[in-house]
C-alpha atoms as a PDB file:
ATOM      1  CA  MET A   1       0.000   0.000   0.000  1.00  0.00           C
ATOM      2  CA  PRO A   2       1.261   3.583  -0.666  1.00  0.00           C
ATOM      3  CA  ASP A   3       3.092   5.286   2.229  1.00  0.00           C
ATOM      4  CA  SER A   4       0.398   7.970   2.374  1.00  0.00           C
ATOM      5  CA  GLN A   5      -2.413   5.472   2.857  1.00  0.00           C
ATOM      6  CA  ILE A   6      -3.300   4.606   6.448  1.00  0.00           C
ATOM      7  CA  ASP A   7      -4.407   1.107   7.259  1.00  0.00           C
ATOM      8  CA  PRO A   8      -8.229   1.141   7.746  1.00  0.00           C
ATOM      9  CA  LYS A   9      -7.743  -0.914  10.926  1.00  0.00           C
ATOM     10  CA  ILE A  10      -5.623   1.879  12.376  1.00  0.00           C
ATOM     11  CA  LEU A  11      -8.240   4.474  11.429  1.00  0.00           C
ATOM     12  CA  ALA A  12     -10.927   2.371  13.127  1.00  0.00           C
ATOM     13  CA  LYS A  13      -8.874   2.245  16.325  1.00  0.00           C
ATOM     14  CA  ILE A  14      -8.321   6.014  16.164  1.00  0.00           C
ATOM     15  CA  ASP A  15     -12.069   6.548  15.901  1.00  0.00           C
ATOM     16  CA  LEU A  16     -12.598   4.385  18.976  1.00  0.00           C
ATOM     17  CA  LEU A  17      -9.924   6.278  20.870  1.00  0.00           C
ATOM     18  CA  GLN A  18     -11.534   9.563  19.848  1.00  0.00           C
ATOM     19  CA  GLU A  19     -14.850   8.397  21.304  1.00  0.00           C
ATOM     20  CA  LYS A  20     -13.171   7.246  24.514  1.00  0.00           C
ATOM     21  CA  PHE A  21     -11.308  10.493  25.160  1.00  0.00           C
ATOM     22  CA  LYS A  22     -14.258  12.662  24.095  1.00  0.00           C
ATOM     23  CA  ALA A  23     -16.510  10.879  26.584  1.00  0.00           C
ATOM     24  CA  SER A  24     -14.075  11.660  29.422  1.00  0.00           C
ATOM     25  CA  GLY A  25     -13.424  15.264  28.299  1.00  0.00           C
ATOM     26  CA  GLN A  26      -9.810  14.555  27.337  1.00  0.00           C
ATOM     27  CA  ASP A  27      -7.834  15.709  24.316  1.00  0.00           C
ATOM     28  CA  MET A  28      -6.820  12.648  22.301  1.00  0.00           C
ATOM     29  CA  LEU A  29      -4.036  14.500  20.477  1.00  0.00           C
ATOM     30  CA  SER A  30      -2.281  15.254  23.759  1.00  0.00           C
ATOM     31  CA  TYR A  31      -2.304  11.573  24.671  1.00  0.00           C
ATOM     32  CA  LEU A  32      -1.010  10.597  21.232  1.00  0.00           C
ATOM     33  CA  GLU A  33       1.811  13.099  21.568  1.00  0.00           C
ATOM     34  CA  GLY A  34       2.689  11.625  24.960  1.00  0.00           C
ATOM     35  CA  LEU A  35       2.732   8.169  23.399  1.00  0.00           C
ATOM     36  CA  LEU A  36       5.110   9.455  20.720  1.00  0.00           C
ATOM     37  CA  TYR A  37       7.726  10.426  23.311  1.00  0.00           C
ATOM     38  CA  ALA A  38       7.200   7.569  25.762  1.00  0.00           C
ATOM     39  CA  ASP A  39       9.805   4.821  26.022  1.00  0.00           C
ATOM     40  CA  TYR A  40       8.910   1.217  25.369  1.00  0.00           C
ATOM     41  CA  LEU A  41       7.879  -0.691  28.477  1.00  0.00           C
ATOM     42  CA  THR A  42      10.288  -3.347  29.684  1.00  0.00           C
ATOM     43  CA  TYR A  43       9.619  -6.470  31.735  1.00  0.00           C
ATOM     44  CA  TRP A  44      11.827  -5.365  34.620  1.00  0.00           C
ATOM     45  CA  GLU A  45      10.155  -1.972  34.827  1.00  0.00           C
ATOM     46  CA  TYR A  46       6.642  -3.381  34.654  1.00  0.00           C
ATOM     47  CA  ILE A  47       7.093  -5.764  37.604  1.00  0.00           C
ATOM     48  CA  ASN A  48       9.539  -3.467  39.459  1.00  0.00           C
ATOM     49  CA  LEU A  49      12.088  -6.256  39.369  1.00  0.00           C
ATOM     50  CA  ASP A  50      15.011  -4.310  40.828  1.00  0.00           C
ATOM     51  CA  THR A  51      12.890  -3.206  43.778  1.00  0.00           C
ATOM     52  CA  LEU A  52      11.491  -6.700  44.251  1.00  0.00           C
ATOM     53  CA  LEU A  53      14.943  -8.281  44.370  1.00  0.00           C
ATOM     54  CA  SER A  54      16.156  -5.674  46.848  1.00  0.00           C
ATOM     55  CA  LEU A  55      13.498  -6.550  49.430  1.00  0.00           C
ATOM     56  CA  GLN A  56      15.411  -9.504  50.900  1.00  0.00           C
ATOM     57  CA  GLN A  57      17.419  -8.042  53.768  1.00  0.00           C
ATOM     58  CA  PRO A  58      18.653 -10.746  56.174  1.00  0.00           C
ATOM     59  CA  LYS A  59      19.359  -9.795  59.776  1.00  0.00           C
ATOM     60  CA  THR A  60      22.143 -12.342  60.205  1.00  0.00           C
ATOM     61  CA  SER A  61      24.986 -13.818  58.146  1.00  0.00           C
ATOM     62  CA  PHE A  62      23.333 -17.250  57.840  1.00  0.00           C
ATOM     63  CA  LYS A  63      22.756 -17.998  54.153  1.00  0.00           C
ATOM     64  CA  ASP A  64      19.520 -19.908  54.693  1.00  0.00           C
ATOM     65  CA  GLU A  65      17.847 -16.867  56.220  1.00  0.00           C
ATOM     66  CA  LYS A  66      17.339 -15.598  52.668  1.00  0.00           C
ATOM     67  CA  ILE A  67      15.202 -18.689  51.950  1.00  0.00           C
ATOM     68  CA  PHE A  68      13.124 -17.898  55.035  1.00  0.00           C
ATOM     69  CA  ILE A  69      12.525 -14.308  53.908  1.00  0.00           C
ATOM     70  CA  ILE A  70      11.757 -15.099  50.284  1.00  0.00           C
ATOM     71  CA  TYR A  71       9.349 -17.876  51.179  1.00  0.00           C
ATOM     72  CA  HIS A  72       7.335 -15.627  53.486  1.00  0.00           C
ATOM     73  CA  GLN A  73       7.252 -12.890  50.848  1.00  0.00           C
ATOM     74  CA  ILE A  74       5.961 -15.404  48.296  1.00  0.00           C
ATOM     75  CA  THR A  75       3.330 -16.501  50.811  1.00  0.00           C
ATOM     76  CA  GLU A  76       2.089 -12.952  51.286  1.00  0.00           C
ATOM     77  CA  LEU A  77       1.768 -12.486  47.521  1.00  0.00           C
ATOM     78  CA  TYR A  78      -0.396 -15.605  47.286  1.00  0.00           C
ATOM     79  CA  PHE A  79      -2.481 -14.304  50.180  1.00  0.00           C
ATOM     80  CA  LYS A  80      -2.947 -11.073  48.234  1.00  0.00           C
ATOM     81  CA  LEU A  81      -4.228 -13.064  45.251  1.00  0.00           C
ATOM     82  CA  ILE A  82      -6.715 -14.904  47.479  1.00  0.00           C
ATOM     83  CA  VAL A  83      -7.927 -11.650  49.033  1.00  0.00           C
ATOM     84  CA  SER A  84      -8.454 -10.263  45.520  1.00  0.00           C
ATOM     85  CA  GLU A  85     -10.636 -13.238  44.542  1.00  0.00           C
ATOM     86  CA  LEU A  86     -12.711 -12.957  47.724  1.00  0.00           C
ATOM     87  CA  GLU A  87     -13.226  -9.258  47.059  1.00  0.00           C
ATOM     88  CA  GLN A  88     -14.489 -10.050  43.572  1.00  0.00           C
ATOM     89  CA  ILE A  89     -16.978 -12.610  44.896  1.00  0.00           C
ATOM     90  CA  SER A  90     -18.226 -10.261  47.601  1.00  0.00           C
ATOM     91  CA  ASP A  91     -18.643  -7.264  45.298  1.00  0.00           C
ATOM     92  CA  GLN A  92     -20.040  -9.000  42.207  1.00  0.00           C
ATOM     93  CA  LYS A  93     -23.676  -8.043  41.546  1.00  0.00           C
ATOM     94  CA  PRO A  94     -25.431 -10.123  40.495  1.00  0.00           C
ATOM     95  CA  LEU A  95     -23.274 -13.075  41.500  1.00  0.00           C
ATOM     96  CA  SER A  96     -23.791 -16.009  39.167  1.00  0.00           C
ATOM     97  CA  GLU A  97     -22.778 -19.501  40.229  1.00  0.00           C
ATOM     98  CA  GLU A  98     -20.364 -19.727  37.307  1.00  0.00           C
ATOM     99  CA  PHE A  99     -18.536 -16.586  38.436  1.00  0.00           C
ATOM    100  CA  PHE A 100     -18.579 -17.869  42.029  1.00  0.00           C
ATOM    101  CA  LYS A 101     -17.080 -21.235  41.071  1.00  0.00           C
ATOM    102  CA  ALA A 102     -14.469 -19.702  38.769  1.00  0.00           C
ATOM    103  CA  ARG A 103     -13.143 -17.494  41.577  1.00  0.00           C
ATOM    104  CA  LEU A 104     -13.222 -20.328  44.112  1.00  0.00           C
ATOM    105  CA  GLU A 105     -11.214 -22.466  41.700  1.00  0.00           C
ATOM    106  CA  ARG A 106      -8.577 -19.758  41.672  1.00  0.00           C
ATOM    107  CA  VAL A 107      -8.585 -19.607  45.485  1.00  0.00           C
ATOM    108  CA  LEU A 108      -8.124 -23.380  45.627  1.00  0.00           C
ATOM    109  CA  MET A 109      -5.293 -23.198  43.108  1.00  0.00           C
ATOM    110  CA  TYR A 110      -3.494 -20.573  45.196  1.00  0.00           C
ATOM    111  CA  PHE A 111      -3.913 -22.629  48.369  1.00  0.00           C
ATOM    112  CA  ASP A 112      -2.596 -25.711  46.574  1.00  0.00           C
ATOM    113  CA  HIS A 113       0.551 -23.804  45.664  1.00  0.00           C
ATOM    114  CA  LEU A 114       0.907 -22.497  49.214  1.00  0.00           C
ATOM    115  CA  ILE A 115       0.499 -25.926  50.780  1.00  0.00           C
ATOM    116  CA  SER A 116       2.896 -27.718  48.437  1.00  0.00           C
ATOM    117  CA  SER A 117       5.462 -24.922  48.630  1.00  0.00           C
ATOM    118  CA  PHE A 118       5.863 -25.258  52.394  1.00  0.00           C
ATOM    119  CA  ALA A 119       8.412 -27.991  51.651  1.00  0.00           C
ATOM    120  CA  MET A 120      10.778 -25.051  51.095  1.00  0.00           C
ATOM    121  CA  MET A 121      10.547 -24.455  54.825  1.00  0.00           C
ATOM    122  CA  TRP A 122      10.988 -27.955  56.190  1.00  0.00           C
ATOM    123  CA  LYS A 123      13.286 -29.311  53.458  1.00  0.00           C
ATOM    124  CA  GLY A 124      15.001 -26.180  52.206  1.00  0.00           C
ATOM    125  CA  MET A 125      16.835 -24.962  55.298  1.00  0.00           C
ATOM    126  CA  GLU A 126      19.466 -26.444  57.567  1.00  0.00           C
ATOM    127  CA  LYS A 127      18.000 -26.962  61.019  1.00  0.00           C
ATOM    128  CA  GLU A 128      21.123 -25.650  62.744  1.00  0.00           C
ATOM    129  CA  GLN A 129      21.029 -22.411  60.759  1.00  0.00           C
ATOM    130  CA  PHE A 130      17.312 -21.930  61.277  1.00  0.00           C
ATOM    131  CA  LEU A 131      17.451 -22.369  65.061  1.00  0.00           C
ATOM    132  CA  LYS A 132      20.179 -19.730  65.255  1.00  0.00           C
ATOM    133  CA  PHE A 133      18.939 -17.030  62.909  1.00  0.00           C
ATOM    134  CA  ARG A 134      15.299 -17.447  63.997  1.00  0.00           C
ATOM    135  CA  MET A 135      16.161 -16.306  67.523  1.00  0.00           C
ATOM    136  CA  SER A 136      17.462 -13.014  66.108  1.00  0.00           C
ATOM    137  CA  LEU A 137      14.055 -12.252  64.601  1.00  0.00           C
ATOM    138  CA  LEU A 138      12.035 -12.179  67.844  1.00  0.00           C
ATOM    139  CA  PRO A 139       9.312 -11.199  68.491  1.00  0.00           C
ATOM    140  CA  SER A 140       8.243 -11.287  64.842  1.00  0.00           C
ATOM    141  CA  SER A 141       6.192 -14.279  63.748  1.00  0.00           C
ATOM    142  CA  GLY A 142       4.168 -15.528  60.794  1.00  0.00           C
ATOM    143  CA  PHE A 143       1.326 -15.278  63.289  1.00  0.00           C
ATOM    144  CA  GLN A 144       1.393 -11.565  62.444  1.00  0.00           C
ATOM    145  CA  SER A 145       0.235 -12.072  58.851  1.00  0.00           C
ATOM    146  CA  ALA A 146      -2.707  -9.701  58.629  1.00  0.00           C
ATOM    147  CA  GLN A 147      -3.622 -10.900  55.145  1.00  0.00           C
ATOM    148  CA  PHE A 148      -4.400 -14.401  56.364  1.00  0.00           C
ATOM    149  CA  ARG A 149      -6.647 -12.854  59.048  1.00  0.00           C
ATOM    150  CA  GLU A 150      -8.347 -10.920  56.254  1.00  0.00           C
ATOM    151  CA  ILE A 151      -8.954 -14.155  54.352  1.00  0.00           C
ATOM    152  CA  GLU A 152     -10.557 -15.670  57.432  1.00  0.00           C
ATOM    153  CA  LEU A 153     -12.798 -12.683  58.140  1.00  0.00           C
ATOM    154  CA  MET A 154     -13.811 -12.391  54.479  1.00  0.00           C
ATOM    155  CA  SER A 155     -14.765 -16.065  54.344  1.00  0.00           C
ATOM    156  CA  THR A 156     -17.034 -16.643  57.320  1.00  0.00           C
ATOM    157  CA  ASP A 157     -19.058 -15.070  60.094  1.00  0.00           C
ATOM    158  CA  ALA A 158     -16.576 -13.881  62.704  1.00  0.00           C
ATOM    159  CA  TRP A 159     -18.156 -15.897  65.516  1.00  0.00           C
ATOM    160  CA  ASN A 160     -16.995 -19.052  63.769  1.00  0.00           C
ATOM    161  CA  LEU A 161     -13.457 -17.805  64.448  1.00  0.00           C
ATOM    162  CA  VAL A 162     -13.943 -17.320  68.180  1.00  0.00           C
ATOM    163  CA  ALA A 163     -11.885 -19.574  70.465  1.00  0.00           C
ATOM    164  CA  VAL A 164     -13.666 -22.913  70.548  1.00  0.00           C
ATOM    165  CA  ALA A 165     -14.264 -22.826  74.320  1.00  0.00           C
ATOM    166  CA  LYS A 166     -16.195 -19.550  73.983  1.00  0.00           C
ATOM    167  CA  ARG A 167     -17.741 -19.980  70.548  1.00  0.00           C
ATOM    168  CA  THR A 168     -21.298 -20.639  71.708  1.00  0.00           C
ATOM    169  CA  GLN A 169     -21.314 -17.338  73.624  1.00  0.00           C
ATOM    170  CA  PHE A 170     -21.155 -15.233  70.454  1.00  0.00           C
ATOM    171  CA  GLY A 171     -23.373 -14.665  67.452  1.00  0.00           C
ATOM    172  CA  ALA A 172     -24.905 -12.125  65.081  1.00  0.00           C
ATOM    173  CA  THR A 173     -25.602  -9.643  67.885  1.00  0.00           C
ATOM    174  CA  SER A 174     -21.992  -9.567  69.102  1.00  0.00           C
ATOM    175  CA  SER A 175     -20.020  -6.409  68.405  1.00  0.00           C
ATOM    176  CA  ALA A 176     -16.910  -6.374  66.252  1.00  0.00           C
ATOM    177  CA  GLU A 177     -14.851  -5.423  69.308  1.00  0.00           C
ATOM    178  CA  GLU A 178     -16.176  -8.357  71.347  1.00  0.00           C
ATOM    179  CA  LEU A 179     -15.567 -10.778  68.526  1.00  0.00           C
ATOM    180  CA  PHE A 180     -12.081  -9.461  67.846  1.00  0.00           C
ATOM    181  CA  GLU A 181     -10.967  -9.840  71.466  1.00  0.00           C
ATOM    182  CA  ASN A 182     -12.069 -13.472  71.492  1.00  0.00           C
ATOM    183  CA  LEU A 183     -10.867 -14.716  68.100  1.00  0.00           C
ATOM    184  CA  TYR A 184      -9.076 -18.066  68.288  1.00  0.00           C
ATOM    185  CA  TRP A 185      -5.682 -16.738  67.269  1.00  0.00           C
ATOM    186  CA  GLN A 186      -5.651 -14.398  70.258  1.00  0.00           C
ATOM    187  CA  GLN A 187      -5.219 -17.531  72.374  1.00  0.00           C
ATOM    188  CA  GLY A 188      -2.233 -18.581  70.296  1.00  0.00           C
ATOM    189  CA  ALA A 189      -0.112 -15.632  71.424  1.00  0.00           C
ATOM    190  CA  ILE A 190      -0.542 -15.823  75.170  1.00  0.00           C
ATOM    191  CA  GLU A 191       2.521 -16.245  77.373  1.00  0.00           C
ATOM    192  CA  LEU A 192       2.486 -19.673  79.006  1.00  0.00           C
ATOM    193  CA  ALA A 193       3.965 -18.447  82.271  1.00  0.00           C
ATOM    194  CA  THR A 194       1.798 -15.356  82.853  1.00  0.00           C
ATOM    195  CA  GLY A 195      -1.259 -15.807  80.656  1.00  0.00           C
ATOM    196  CA  GLN A 196      -0.677 -12.290  79.293  1.00  0.00           C
ATOM    197  CA  LYS A 197      -0.582 -11.175  75.664  1.00  0.00           C
ATOM    198  CA  THR A 198       2.843 -11.532  74.087  1.00  0.00           C
ATOM    199  CA  LEU A 199       4.638  -8.598  72.504  1.00  0.00           C
ATOM    200  CA  THR A 200       4.004 -10.411  69.204  1.00  0.00           C
ATOM    201  CA  LEU A 201       0.257 -10.024  69.723  1.00  0.00           C
ATOM    202  CA  LYS A 202       0.391  -6.535  71.201  1.00  0.00           C
ATOM    203  CA  SER A 203       2.330  -5.107  68.261  1.00  0.00           C
ATOM    204  CA  PHE A 204       0.070  -6.913  65.785  1.00  0.00           C
ATOM    205  CA  GLU A 205      -3.056  -5.453  67.385  1.00  0.00           C
ATOM    206  CA  ALA A 206      -1.532  -1.970  67.458  1.00  0.00           C
ATOM    207  CA  LYS A 207      -0.904  -2.073  63.701  1.00  0.00           C
ATOM    208  CA  TYR A 208      -3.900  -4.044  62.411  1.00  0.00           C
ATOM    209  CA  GLY A 209      -6.528  -4.222  65.159  1.00  0.00           C
ATOM    210  CA  LYS A 210      -8.644  -1.283  63.949  1.00  0.00           C
ATOM    211  CA  HIS A 211      -8.516  -2.473  60.337  1.00  0.00           C
ATOM    212  CA  LEU A 212      -9.547  -6.022  61.225  1.00  0.00           C
ATOM    213  CA  MET A 213     -12.444  -4.868  63.392  1.00  0.00           C
ATOM    214  CA  GLU A 214     -13.644  -2.728  60.494  1.00  0.00           C
ATOM    215  CA  LEU A 215     -13.340  -5.771  58.240  1.00  0.00           C
ATOM    216  CA  ILE A 216     -15.551  -7.798  60.586  1.00  0.00           C
ATOM    217  CA  GLU A 217     -18.274  -5.185  60.172  1.00  0.00           C
ATOM    218  CA  ALA A 218     -17.750  -4.677  56.437  1.00  0.00           C
ATOM    219  CA  TYR A 219     -18.014  -8.402  55.626  1.00  0.00           C
ATOM    220  CA  SER A 220     -20.714  -9.383  58.096  1.00  0.00           C
ATOM    221  CA  GLY A 221     -23.222  -9.302  55.253  1.00  0.00           C
ATOM    222  CA  LYS A 222     -21.060 -10.244  52.281  1.00  0.00           C
ATOM    223  CA  ASN A 223     -18.526 -12.821  53.416  1.00  0.00           C
ATOM    224  CA  LEU A 224     -18.092 -16.022  51.430  1.00  0.00           C
ATOM    225  CA  TRP A 225     -20.698 -17.896  53.464  1.00  0.00           C
ATOM    226  CA  LYS A 226     -23.264 -15.123  53.073  1.00  0.00           C
ATOM    227  CA  LYS A 227     -22.698 -15.080  49.307  1.00  0.00           C
ATOM    228  CA  TYR A 228     -23.173 -18.848  49.207  1.00  0.00           C
ATOM    229  CA  LEU A 229     -26.499 -18.500  51.026  1.00  0.00           C
ATOM    230  CA  GLU A 230     -27.628 -15.969  48.411  1.00  0.00           C
ATOM    231  CA  GLN A 231     -27.428 -18.640  45.713  1.00  0.00           C
ATOM    232  CA  SER A 232     -30.994 -19.802  45.146  1.00  0.00           C
ATOM    233  CA  ASN A 233     -30.123 -23.403  44.415  1.00  0.00           C
ATOM    234  CA  PRO A 234     -26.379 -24.016  44.846  1.00  0.00           C
ATOM    235  CA  SER A 235     -25.057 -27.022  42.968  1.00  0.00           C
ATOM    236  CA  ALA A 236     -23.227 -29.946  44.514  1.00  0.00           C
ATOM    237  CA  GLU A 237     -20.092 -28.734  42.737  1.00  0.00           C
ATOM    238  CA  LEU A 238     -20.264 -25.307  44.364  1.00  0.00           C
ATOM    239  CA  LYS A 239     -20.804 -26.928  47.754  1.00  0.00           C
ATOM    240  CA  GLU A 240     -17.739 -29.106  47.235  1.00  0.00           C
ATOM    241  CA  PHE A 241     -15.655 -26.067  46.251  1.00  0.00           C
ATOM    242  CA  MET A 242     -16.698 -24.410  49.505  1.00  0.00           C
ATOM    243  CA  ARG A 243     -15.750 -27.505  51.480  1.00  0.00           C
ATOM    244  CA  GLN A 244     -12.366 -27.641  49.757  1.00  0.00           C
ATOM    245  CA  VAL A 245     -11.692 -23.994  50.632  1.00  0.00           C
ATOM    246  CA  ASP A 246     -12.498 -24.871  54.240  1.00  0.00           C
ATOM    247  CA  LEU A 247     -10.134 -27.836  54.252  1.00  0.00           C
ATOM    248  CA  LYS A 248      -7.254 -26.112  52.509  1.00  0.00           C
ATOM    249  CA  ALA A 249      -7.422 -22.940  54.629  1.00  0.00           C
ATOM    250  CA  ASN A 250      -8.123 -24.567  57.988  1.00  0.00           C
ATOM    251  CA  VAL A 251      -6.561 -28.032  57.812  1.00  0.00           C
ATOM    252  CA  PHE A 252      -3.931 -28.442  55.115  1.00  0.00           C
ATOM    253  CA  TRP A 253      -2.392 -24.970  55.337  1.00  0.00           C
ATOM    254  CA  PRO A 254      -1.946 -24.735  59.140  1.00  0.00           C
ATOM    255  CA  LEU A 255      -0.742 -28.320  59.263  1.00  0.00           C
ATOM    256  CA  ALA A 256       1.857 -27.671  56.576  1.00  0.00           C
ATOM    257  CA  HIS A 257       3.101 -24.986  58.963  1.00  0.00           C
ATOM    258  CA  TYR A 258       2.844 -27.406  61.883  1.00  0.00           C
ATOM    259  CA  LYS A 259       4.874 -29.988  60.009  1.00  0.00           C
ATOM    260  CA  SER A 260       7.659 -27.444  59.643  1.00  0.00           C
ATOM    261  CA  ALA A 261       7.454 -26.481  63.319  1.00  0.00           C
ATOM    262  CA  VAL A 262       7.673 -30.142  64.370  1.00  0.00           C
ATOM    263  CA  ARG A 263      10.829 -30.529  62.302  1.00  0.00           C
ATOM    264  CA  TYR A 264      12.625 -27.464  63.610  1.00  0.00           C
ATOM    265  CA  LEU A 265      11.335 -26.925  67.140  1.00  0.00           C
ATOM    266  CA  GLN A 266      11.554 -29.101  70.194  1.00  0.00           C
ATOM    267  CA  ARG A 267       8.337 -29.979  71.991  1.00  0.00           C
ATOM    268  CA  ASP A 268       9.614 -28.511  75.249  1.00  0.00           C
ATOM    269  CA  PRO A 269       7.737 -25.279  76.154  1.00  0.00           C
ATOM    270  CA  VAL A 270      11.036 -23.393  76.545  1.00  0.00           C
ATOM    271  CA  ASP A 271      11.501 -23.567  72.778  1.00  0.00           C
ATOM    272  CA  ILE A 272       8.189 -21.894  72.012  1.00  0.00           C
ATOM    273  CA  ALA A 273      10.062 -18.571  71.851  1.00  0.00           C
ATOM    274  CA  ALA A 274      11.332 -19.631  68.447  1.00  0.00           C
ATOM    275  CA  THR A 275       7.938 -18.811  66.964  1.00  0.00           C
ATOM    276  CA  GLY A 276       7.714 -15.341  68.445  1.00  0.00           C
ATOM    277  CA  GLY A 277       6.242 -16.586  71.708  1.00  0.00           C
ATOM    278  CA  THR A 278       3.206 -18.230  70.147  1.00  0.00           C
ATOM    279  CA  ASN A 279       2.048 -21.500  71.668  1.00  0.00           C
ATOM    280  CA  TRP A 280       2.325 -23.311  68.339  1.00  0.00           C
ATOM    281  CA  GLN A 281       1.791 -26.800  69.797  1.00  0.00           C
ATOM    282  CA  LYS A 282      -1.752 -25.890  70.791  1.00  0.00           C
ATOM    283  CA  TYR A 283      -2.355 -23.156  68.227  1.00  0.00           C
ATOM    284  CA  LEU A 284      -1.529 -24.805  64.880  1.00  0.00           C
ATOM    285  CA  PRO A 285      -3.191 -28.261  65.036  1.00  0.00           C
ATOM    286  CA  PRO A 286      -6.742 -27.858  63.630  1.00  0.00           C
ATOM    287  CA  ARG A 287      -8.234 -30.446  65.969  1.00  0.00           C
ATOM    288  CA  PHE A 288      -7.545 -28.110  68.896  1.00  0.00           C
ATOM    289  CA  GLN A 289      -8.860 -24.881  67.359  1.00  0.00           C
ATOM    290  CA  LYS A 290     -11.581 -26.472  65.181  1.00  0.00           C
ATOM    291  CA  VAL A 291     -11.735 -23.414  62.964  1.00  0.00           C
ATOM    292  CA  ILE A 292     -14.351 -24.223  60.335  1.00  0.00           C
ATOM    293  CA  PHE A 293     -15.552 -21.539  57.958  1.00  0.00           C
ATOM    294  CA  PHE A 294     -18.725 -23.343  56.907  1.00  0.00           C
ATOM    295  CA  PRO A 295     -19.816 -25.699  59.742  1.00  0.00           C
ATOM    296  CA  GLU A 296     -23.208 -26.170  58.109  1.00  0.00           C
ATOM    297  CA  LEU A 297     -21.538 -28.006  55.210  1.00  0.00           C
ATOM    298  CA  TRP A 298     -19.994 -30.711  57.424  1.00  0.00           C
ATOM    299  CA  THR A 299     -21.396 -33.638  59.391  1.00  0.00           C
ATOM    300  CA  GLU A 300     -20.979 -33.828  63.154  1.00  0.00           C
ATOM    301  CA  SER A 301     -18.441 -36.648  62.838  1.00  0.00           C
ATOM    302  CA  GLU A 302     -16.438 -34.682  60.258  1.00  0.00           C
ATOM    303  CA  LYS A 303     -16.313 -31.703  62.581  1.00  0.00           C
ATOM    304  CA  GLU A 304     -15.388 -33.875  65.543  1.00  0.00           C
ATOM    305  CA  ASP A 305     -12.381 -35.356  63.698  1.00  0.00           C
ATOM    306  CA  TRP A 306     -11.405 -32.064  62.059  1.00  0.00           C
ATOM    307  CA  GLY A 307      -7.807 -32.356  60.885  1.00  0.00           C
ATOM    308  CA  LYS A 308      -6.931 -35.380  62.989  1.00  0.00           C
ATOM    309  CA  GLY A 309      -6.408 -37.856  60.160  1.00  0.00           C
ATOM    310  CA  TRP A 310      -3.979 -35.603  58.313  1.00  0.00           C
ATOM    311  CA  VAL A 311      -1.787 -35.237  61.400  1.00  0.00           C
ATOM    312  CA  VAL A 312      -1.564 -38.984  61.888  1.00  0.00           C
ATOM    313  CA  LYS A 313      -0.757 -39.659  58.232  1.00  0.00           C
ATOM    314  CA  GLU A 314       1.559 -36.811  57.286  1.00  0.00           C
ATOM    315  CA  ILE A 315       3.405 -36.044  60.499  1.00  0.00           C
ATOM    316  CA  PHE A 316       3.413 -39.117  62.663  1.00  0.00           C
ATOM    317  CA  GLY A 317       3.131 -41.791  59.990  1.00  0.00           C
ATOM    318  CA  ASP A 318       1.734 -44.965  61.500  1.00  0.00           C
ATOM    319  CA  GLU A 319       2.287 -43.752  65.029  1.00  0.00           C
ATOM    320  CA  ILE A 320      -0.570 -41.895  66.653  1.00  0.00           C
ATOM    321  CA  GLN A 321       0.599 -38.944  68.695  1.00  0.00           C
ATOM    322  CA  LYS A 322       0.380 -39.850  72.354  1.00  0.00           C
ATOM    323  CA  GLY A 323      -0.961 -37.483  74.941  1.00  0.00           C
ATOM    324  CA  ASP A 324      -2.626 -34.928  72.650  1.00  0.00           C
ATOM    325  CA  ASP A 325      -5.643 -36.916  71.447  1.00  0.00           C
END
C-alpha cells in the first residue's frame, strides 16, 4: 500500500480512541503526543524487578535466612491473590454460580501452591542455621500475617473464628470489638507463664486491630458464606468447592506450617520462643482450634475429627501422637 495510505484498521482504532477520550473530556491528540515520546515498556520496569529483588534483607549472616525471607514474601503475595478473589466474589452483583465457582477455583489453586510450597521451609533450610537465625528475629512471627486474618474474616461469620471454648457465647448480635478480642488466634499468642498477651500479639493489634475490626463489620453481610447462602439453588459442585476452601485454609495450610514447626522446634515449652512466643503446639493443630468456615456443610463426625487424620498420616506416619488426642 502507498506510504500515504493509512491502514483502515488503524483508522478504526483512532475513531474508537476519539470516542473514549471525548466521553471523558480529554484531548486525544495530547495523549497521542505523549505516546510518541514515551519509552517502550520493559519487563523489569513493569514488575519493578530491581525493587522486588532488593526486598530480601537478612538480619544475620546465615545464608539460609534468605530462603526464610523469600518464602514468606511469596506466601504474602499468594495471600494477596486470594484476598483479591474474595473481594471479587463479595462485590459481584449479580453473582452467578459460574462466576462464584471460577473465583473459588482460583482460590483453591493458590492454596494448593501455598500448601505444596511449604516444603521449602521444612526441606530447604538447615535446622542448625534456622534455630540460630530465627532467635534473632524475635518477636516477629508468621502469626502476624494480617492478610491471612483478612482471608478468614472475608470467608465466614466472625463468631466461627472465636476460640472454641467460647464460641457458643457469640453470634450475630456480638459487636466487632467483642468478637475481635475473642478470636481463636488471640489464644495462640498468650505467654504460658503469665497468661498475658505476648509482645508479638500486642504489636500486631496496634498495627492491624482497627482495620480487622472494620473488616468484621464490612463483611458481616457479604462474606463467602453469606454469598453462598444468596445462591438460590447451589449445585453440589459449588458446595464441594466451599468444602475444599475450608479444608485447605483450615486443615492443610496450618498443618503444613505445623509440620515445619515439628521438624525445627523441640516440643519442650522453653523452645516456644522460636515462633515469636506463640504457643504453636496448641495453636496450629486444627483439631484443637476447630476453625471451620462453613460448619453447616460438614457432618458432626467430620467436625469432631477435624484435621486429625492428616496429622496422623503426614506427620506421625503410622504412630498416633500420644498425649494430645
